[in-house]
Every structure is written in structure tokens, then in C-alpha cells.
Amino acid sequence: MSAANPPNIPTPVDRATFQAQLDTLRIREKAHTREGDAIAAARRRLPMVEVDATTPVVGPNGPVRLIDVFEGRSQLFAGYMMWYDGASAAQQCEGCSMNVGHVLELGYLNSRDVTFAVFCQGPFAESNRYREFMGWPMPWYSVPEASLDRLIAGRHFGIWVCYLQHNGRVFETYWTTGRGCEQLGSSYAMLDMTIYGRQEIWEDSPAGWPQPFFNTRSAQMRTDEHGHPVNRPAGRPIAQWSRIAAGRSDDLAGADKRVGIGS
């Protein structure tokens, strides 16, 4: 935001007036929280659908069964990441990168008997180089073509799926996509608390509020040379900026071309 064209700002008031309006908003916030609790309770009462526990995915040591991905825990939370074959890191999915990148501390999930893993659409070696480029700690797998019908089941990558294993069988208990995936990304929740919000063009904000960012569902959506929706200042997903600054190469073609992995 340039100094010559500053954004509008809220009306300054005294603290008592500010607190009175915040107290009114707090009533709605508490209702929203309670409704979220009720929705979560309804999720816990959903039925489930069985998935073949022997469905293969490819990990660092080759093919493994779906049930092995649980790592001995009773639950699995799988993020299905989109992939663009042959593309550099800069051309990979910004939405999936944002959501996956927020799941860095796995201890809280593991302590409650949940394993988090990424199931990537791309081949293992190439997509795992993206994981290394990003410095992500979570287990990483590739979904082979033969497993798509059993795991994707007519949906698309970019979904988040919860599973339960019981007596050697695996069941899908919940899945979501689109804005349902926002719960993985705490940055959006934090931005929603700030005065300018997410600064995306779809938001209902006062006139003059800064909105330089695009959302993949926006009417003014931009696309890259492949027709993919983009929200990438500086030509790449925002999560990659620090990786490039650290000297990492986003060429995923081969190990001999990687620079600074792990820096």
C-alpha cells in the first residue's frame, strides 16, 4: 500500500464506545462458536463408509497399504494435495500449499491418536522434493492411478478426508473441500480478526478498504498460463517466499538440481 494512496481507516472513538460495540458483536461471536460446536457434534454422529484397507499408496520405501499410513493410530487425517506434473515449485497449487503448510506441529494430533499425512496427486519422487523444498515434517505419499477410484471416489484432489481404522478395517468418516479446508489454515482465522480482514476482493468490507488479493472463487479471478486460479504475489505461492530467500531451488526435476535443501 503506497503512502500516496493510503487505505481508509475506521472511525476513532473513546474506549467506552469501542467496548460497547465490541460487546454487541461478542454476542454474535459466541453464537457462532456454539453453532460450530454443534456442527462438530453432528460430525461425530455421521455414519461411515468402508474403504479397502489394502489400497496402495507410495511412500519413501515404496508401496504401502492405506492401513499402514495410520502408523498404528486409530485415526488418519489425509490432505489430498493437487499436483501439476513437470512444473516447478512456483507453479504448484497455492491453496494446498497454504493449508498443508499450517500443519507443522503434529504432536497435538498424535497425542489424540490421529496421524496426519499428505496424499499427493503427483509421483512420489518429484512431489516429495516439493515437501523437502517447503521443509514440511509430515508423512508424505503419492496416490497411484490404480488407487484413485477407491480413495478419490469421483471427487478431486484438494479434499481433506478423515478415516478410522477398526479391527483391521478402514472407514471414511468425513471429508470436505473448498472453504471447508480453511480450518487447517489459522492465518485466515487470524486475518478475520484484523480490521482489514483477508484483503480479498470477495469480502464485504467498507469502501476504501485494501483488497489487493484474489480468491479462487472471485469473479475477478486471475489464472496462470495453464488456466489455474492464482493468488500469488511475486509469481509464486506466498508460503514459498521464505524458502526462496533461504536459497532453495524450486526446480523439482531431479536431486542433482536441488540447492540448499534443509537450509
Protein backbone atom coordinates (compact mmCIF):
# COMPACT_ATOMS: atom_id res chain seq x y z
CA MET A 1 0.00 0.00 0.00
CA SER A 2 1.67 3.22 -1.13
CA ALA A 3 1.92 6.30 1.08
CA ALA A 4 0.39 8.33 -1.73
CA ASN A 5 -2.74 6.16 -1.69
CA PRO A 6 -3.30 5.08 1.92
CA PRO A 7 -6.28 2.87 2.81
CA ASN A 8 -9.29 4.16 4.67
CA ILE A 9 -9.35 3.60 8.43
CA PRO A 10 -12.13 3.05 11.00
CA THR A 11 -13.68 5.92 12.94
CA PRO A 12 -11.73 6.69 16.16
CA VAL A 13 -13.90 6.69 19.32
CA ASP A 14 -13.34 6.61 23.08
CA ARG A 15 -12.76 3.24 24.75
CA ALA A 16 -16.23 3.02 26.30
CA THR A 17 -17.90 3.44 22.89
CA PHE A 18 -15.48 0.94 21.35
CA GLN A 19 -16.14 -1.62 24.10
CA ALA A 20 -19.92 -1.21 23.86
CA GLN A 21 -19.90 -2.07 20.15
CA LEU A 22 -17.47 -4.93 20.69
CA ASP A 23 -19.75 -6.32 23.43
CA THR A 24 -22.64 -6.34 20.96
CA LEU A 25 -20.51 -8.18 18.40
CA ARG A 26 -19.36 -10.64 21.07
CA ILE A 27 -22.92 -11.96 21.39
CA ARG A 28 -22.84 -12.97 17.73
CA GLU A 29 -19.34 -14.41 18.09
CA LYS A 30 -20.43 -16.63 20.97
CA ALA A 31 -23.45 -17.83 18.99
CA HIS A 32 -21.12 -18.60 16.08
CA THR A 33 -18.81 -20.59 18.36
CA ARG A 34 -21.69 -22.57 19.84
CA GLU A 35 -23.05 -23.35 16.38
CA GLY A 36 -19.58 -24.55 15.39
CA ASP A 37 -19.57 -26.84 18.42
CA ALA A 38 -22.99 -28.18 17.42
CA ILE A 39 -21.82 -28.85 13.87
CA ALA A 40 -18.74 -30.68 15.18
CA ALA A 41 -21.02 -32.76 17.41
CA ALA A 42 -23.11 -33.64 14.35
CA ARG A 43 -19.94 -34.73 12.50
CA ARG A 44 -19.20 -37.14 15.33
CA ARG A 45 -22.61 -38.74 14.75
CA LEU A 46 -22.23 -39.25 11.00
CA PRO A 47 -22.27 -42.80 9.63
CA MET A 48 -19.14 -44.01 7.81
CA VAL A 49 -18.24 -45.80 4.59
CA GLU A 50 -15.68 -48.58 4.30
CA VAL A 51 -12.57 -48.13 2.18
CA ASP A 52 -10.35 -51.06 1.18
CA ALA A 53 -7.66 -51.15 3.87
CA THR A 54 -5.19 -52.68 1.40
CA THR A 55 -5.44 -49.76 -1.08
CA PRO A 56 -1.84 -48.97 -2.05
CA VAL A 57 -0.15 -45.58 -1.77
CA VAL A 58 3.53 -44.90 -2.43
CA GLY A 59 5.83 -43.71 0.35
CA PRO A 60 9.58 -43.25 0.73
CA ASN A 61 10.12 -47.03 0.85
CA GLY A 62 7.71 -47.88 -1.95
CA PRO A 63 4.07 -49.02 -1.91
CA VAL A 64 2.30 -49.44 1.44
CA ARG A 65 -1.29 -50.20 2.36
CA LEU A 66 -3.72 -47.48 3.40
CA ILE A 67 -3.98 -49.02 6.86
CA ASP A 68 -0.20 -48.74 7.27
CA VAL A 69 -0.40 -44.96 6.87
CA PHE A 70 -2.20 -44.81 10.25
CA GLU A 71 1.19 -45.64 11.86
CA GLY A 72 -0.62 -47.71 14.49
CA ARG A 73 -3.06 -44.96 15.47
CA SER A 74 -6.83 -45.32 15.22
CA GLN A 75 -7.44 -42.21 13.10
CA LEU A 76 -5.95 -40.69 9.96
CA PHE A 77 -6.39 -37.16 8.64
CA ALA A 78 -5.32 -37.11 4.99
CA GLY A 79 -4.74 -33.98 2.95
CA TYR A 80 -5.11 -34.70 -0.77
CA MET A 81 -2.75 -32.27 -2.48
CA MET A 82 -3.15 -31.25 -6.11
CA TRP A 83 -0.12 -31.61 -8.36
CA TYR A 84 0.95 -30.18 -11.73
CA ASP A 85 3.30 -32.66 -13.42
CA GLY A 86 6.59 -31.27 -14.66
CA ALA A 87 6.01 -27.84 -13.09
CA SER A 88 8.40 -26.01 -10.79
CA ALA A 89 7.58 -25.36 -7.15
CA ALA A 90 6.39 -21.88 -8.09
CA GLN A 91 3.69 -23.39 -10.29
CA GLN A 92 2.25 -25.80 -7.73
CA CYS A 93 -1.11 -25.26 -6.01
CA GLU A 94 -1.10 -22.24 -3.71
CA GLY A 95 -4.26 -23.30 -1.85
CA CYS A 96 -2.95 -26.77 -0.99
CA SER A 97 0.44 -25.29 -0.10
CA MET A 98 -1.15 -22.81 2.28
CA ASN A 99 -3.29 -25.41 4.05
CA VAL A 100 -0.64 -28.13 4.30
CA GLY A 101 1.94 -25.58 5.44
CA HIS A 102 -0.08 -24.77 8.55
CA VAL A 103 0.07 -28.36 9.83
CA LEU A 104 3.60 -28.23 11.23
CA GLU A 105 3.17 -29.28 14.86
CA LEU A 106 1.92 -32.86 14.67
CA GLY A 107 2.17 -33.62 18.39
CA TYR A 108 -1.30 -32.32 19.24
CA LEU A 109 -2.89 -34.62 16.65
CA ASN A 110 -0.70 -37.59 17.53
CA SER A 111 -1.49 -37.21 21.25
CA ARG A 112 -5.16 -37.73 20.40
CA ASP A 113 -4.49 -40.85 18.33
CA VAL A 114 -4.59 -39.05 14.95
CA THR A 115 -1.96 -39.35 12.22
CA PHE A 116 -1.74 -36.54 9.66
CA ALA A 117 -0.40 -37.39 6.20
CA VAL A 118 -0.42 -35.83 2.74
CA PHE A 119 -1.62 -37.89 -0.22
CA CYS A 120 -0.22 -36.15 -3.28
CA GLN A 121 -1.56 -36.42 -6.81
CA GLY A 122 1.96 -36.39 -8.28
CA PRO A 123 4.64 -39.08 -8.50
CA PHE A 124 6.36 -39.69 -5.19
CA ALA A 125 9.95 -38.69 -6.01
CA GLU A 126 9.03 -35.40 -7.64
CA SER A 127 6.33 -34.41 -5.19
CA ASN A 128 8.48 -35.39 -2.20
CA ARG A 129 11.10 -32.95 -3.46
CA TYR A 130 8.42 -30.30 -3.08
CA ARG A 131 7.91 -31.42 0.54
CA GLU A 132 11.66 -31.09 1.08
CA PHE A 133 11.72 -27.70 -0.64
CA MET A 134 8.99 -26.50 1.74
CA GLY A 135 10.63 -28.15 4.78
CA TRP A 136 7.45 -29.95 5.83
CA PRO A 137 7.75 -32.68 8.51
CA MET A 138 4.59 -34.70 7.89
CA PRO A 139 4.42 -38.17 6.29
CA TRP A 140 4.11 -37.93 2.51
CA TYR A 141 2.61 -40.36 0.00
CA SER A 142 1.74 -40.47 -3.67
CA VAL A 143 -1.59 -41.87 -4.86
CA PRO A 144 -1.12 -44.20 -7.85
CA GLU A 145 -3.65 -44.27 -10.67
CA ALA A 146 -4.93 -47.70 -9.59
CA SER A 147 -5.98 -46.32 -6.18
CA LEU A 148 -7.94 -43.28 -7.38
CA ASP A 149 -11.34 -44.96 -7.60
CA ARG A 150 -11.08 -46.26 -4.05
CA LEU A 151 -9.71 -43.08 -2.44
CA ILE A 152 -10.92 -40.17 -4.56
CA ALA A 153 -14.21 -41.89 -5.46
CA GLY A 154 -15.37 -39.37 -8.06
CA ARG A 155 -14.14 -36.32 -6.17
CA HIS A 156 -10.92 -34.36 -6.82
CA PHE A 157 -7.61 -33.60 -5.18
CA GLY A 158 -7.80 -30.64 -2.83
CA ILE A 159 -10.06 -32.54 -0.42
CA TRP A 160 -9.39 -33.35 3.24
CA VAL A 161 -10.52 -36.75 4.45
CA CYS A 162 -10.82 -38.30 7.92
CA TYR A 163 -10.51 -42.05 8.41
CA LEU A 164 -10.96 -44.55 11.25
CA GLN A 165 -9.40 -47.99 11.47
CA HIS A 166 -11.16 -50.68 13.48
CA ASN A 167 -10.37 -54.39 13.68
CA GLY A 168 -8.22 -54.26 10.56
CA ARG A 169 -10.82 -52.38 8.50
CA VAL A 170 -10.67 -48.73 7.36
CA PHE A 171 -13.63 -46.36 7.19
CA GLU A 172 -14.03 -42.84 5.82
CA THR A 173 -15.84 -40.71 8.41
CA TYR A 174 -15.77 -37.17 6.95
CA TRP A 175 -14.46 -35.14 4.04
CA THR A 176 -14.53 -31.52 2.92
CA THR A 177 -13.15 -29.23 0.24
CA GLY A 178 -13.12 -25.58 -0.84
CA ARG A 179 -13.57 -23.23 2.10
CA GLY A 180 -14.14 -26.24 4.33
CA CYS A 181 -10.35 -26.64 4.23
CA GLU A 182 -9.82 -23.24 5.86
CA GLN A 183 -9.83 -24.80 9.31
CA LEU A 184 -6.34 -26.10 8.58
CA GLY A 185 -5.07 -22.57 7.96
CA SER A 186 -5.03 -20.49 11.12
CA SER A 187 -3.72 -17.44 9.22
CA TYR A 188 -7.18 -16.86 7.71
CA ALA A 189 -8.81 -17.05 11.15
CA MET A 190 -6.27 -14.53 12.44
CA LEU A 191 -6.78 -12.22 9.47
CA ASP A 192 -10.55 -12.35 10.04
CA MET A 193 -9.89 -10.70 13.43
CA THR A 194 -7.95 -7.80 11.92
CA ILE A 195 -9.53 -4.56 10.72
CA TYR A 196 -8.75 -5.16 7.03
CA GLY A 197 -9.58 -8.87 7.11
CA ARG A 198 -8.18 -11.13 4.39
CA GLN A 199 -7.99 -8.23 1.97
CA GLU A 200 -9.60 -10.36 -0.75
CA ILE A 201 -11.97 -8.90 -3.31
CA TRP A 202 -14.96 -11.07 -2.35
CA GLU A 203 -15.11 -9.79 1.24
CA ASP A 204 -17.83 -7.46 2.48
CA SER A 205 -15.69 -4.53 3.66
CA PRO A 206 -16.25 -0.76 3.90
CA ALA A 207 -15.40 1.35 0.86
CA GLY A 208 -11.70 2.11 0.61
CA TRP A 209 -10.52 -0.98 2.49
CA PRO A 210 -7.47 -2.57 0.81
CA GLN A 211 -8.34 -5.68 -1.23
CA PRO A 212 -5.34 -6.49 -3.44
CA PHE A 213 -5.67 -10.26 -3.11
CA PHE A 214 -7.72 -12.63 -5.22
CA ASN A 215 -9.64 -15.66 -4.03
CA THR A 216 -10.09 -18.71 -6.26
CA ARG A 217 -13.86 -18.18 -6.20
CA SER A 218 -13.76 -14.48 -7.02
CA ALA A 219 -15.49 -13.12 -10.09
CA GLN A 220 -12.27 -11.27 -10.94
CA MET A 221 -10.21 -14.42 -10.55
CA ARG A 222 -6.86 -14.46 -12.34
CA THR A 223 -5.39 -17.59 -13.92
CA ASP A 224 -1.86 -18.62 -14.83
CA GLU A 225 -0.63 -19.81 -18.22
CA HIS A 226 -2.19 -23.22 -17.56
CA GLY A 227 -5.59 -21.76 -16.66
CA HIS A 228 -5.15 -22.50 -12.95
CA PRO A 229 -6.53 -19.96 -10.43
CA VAL A 230 -3.79 -17.90 -8.85
CA ASN A 231 -3.34 -15.83 -5.74
CA ARG A 232 0.39 -15.48 -5.89
CA PRO A 233 2.07 -12.11 -5.44
CA ALA A 234 5.63 -12.20 -6.80
CA GLY A 235 4.59 -15.05 -9.08
CA ARG A 236 4.55 -17.90 -6.57
CA PRO A 237 2.60 -19.18 -3.55
CA ILE A 238 3.22 -16.89 -0.57
CA ALA A 239 4.42 -19.80 1.59
CA GLN A 240 7.43 -20.20 -0.69
CA TRP A 241 8.86 -16.70 -0.21
CA SER A 242 10.95 -17.64 2.82
CA ARG A 243 12.22 -20.80 1.11
CA ILE A 244 13.50 -18.87 -1.88
CA ALA A 245 15.03 -16.26 0.45
CA ALA A 246 16.88 -19.13 2.16
CA GLY A 247 18.44 -20.10 -1.17
CA ARG A 248 16.37 -23.16 -2.04
CA SER A 249 15.82 -24.08 -5.68
CA ASP A 250 12.25 -24.65 -6.83
CA ASP A 251 13.35 -26.87 -9.72
CA LEU A 252 11.82 -30.25 -8.84
CA ALA A 253 13.21 -32.11 -11.85
CA GLY A 254 15.92 -34.04 -10.04
CA ALA A 255 18.03 -34.34 -6.93
CA ASP A 256 21.10 -33.06 -8.75
CA LYS A 257 19.34 -29.74 -9.33
CA ARG A 258 18.26 -29.12 -5.76
CA VAL A 259 20.06 -26.32 -3.96
CA GLY A 260 20.05 -25.62 -0.25
CA ILE A 261 17.50 -28.28 0.76
CA GLY A 262 17.19 -28.25 4.53
CA SER A 263 18.62 -24.77 4.93
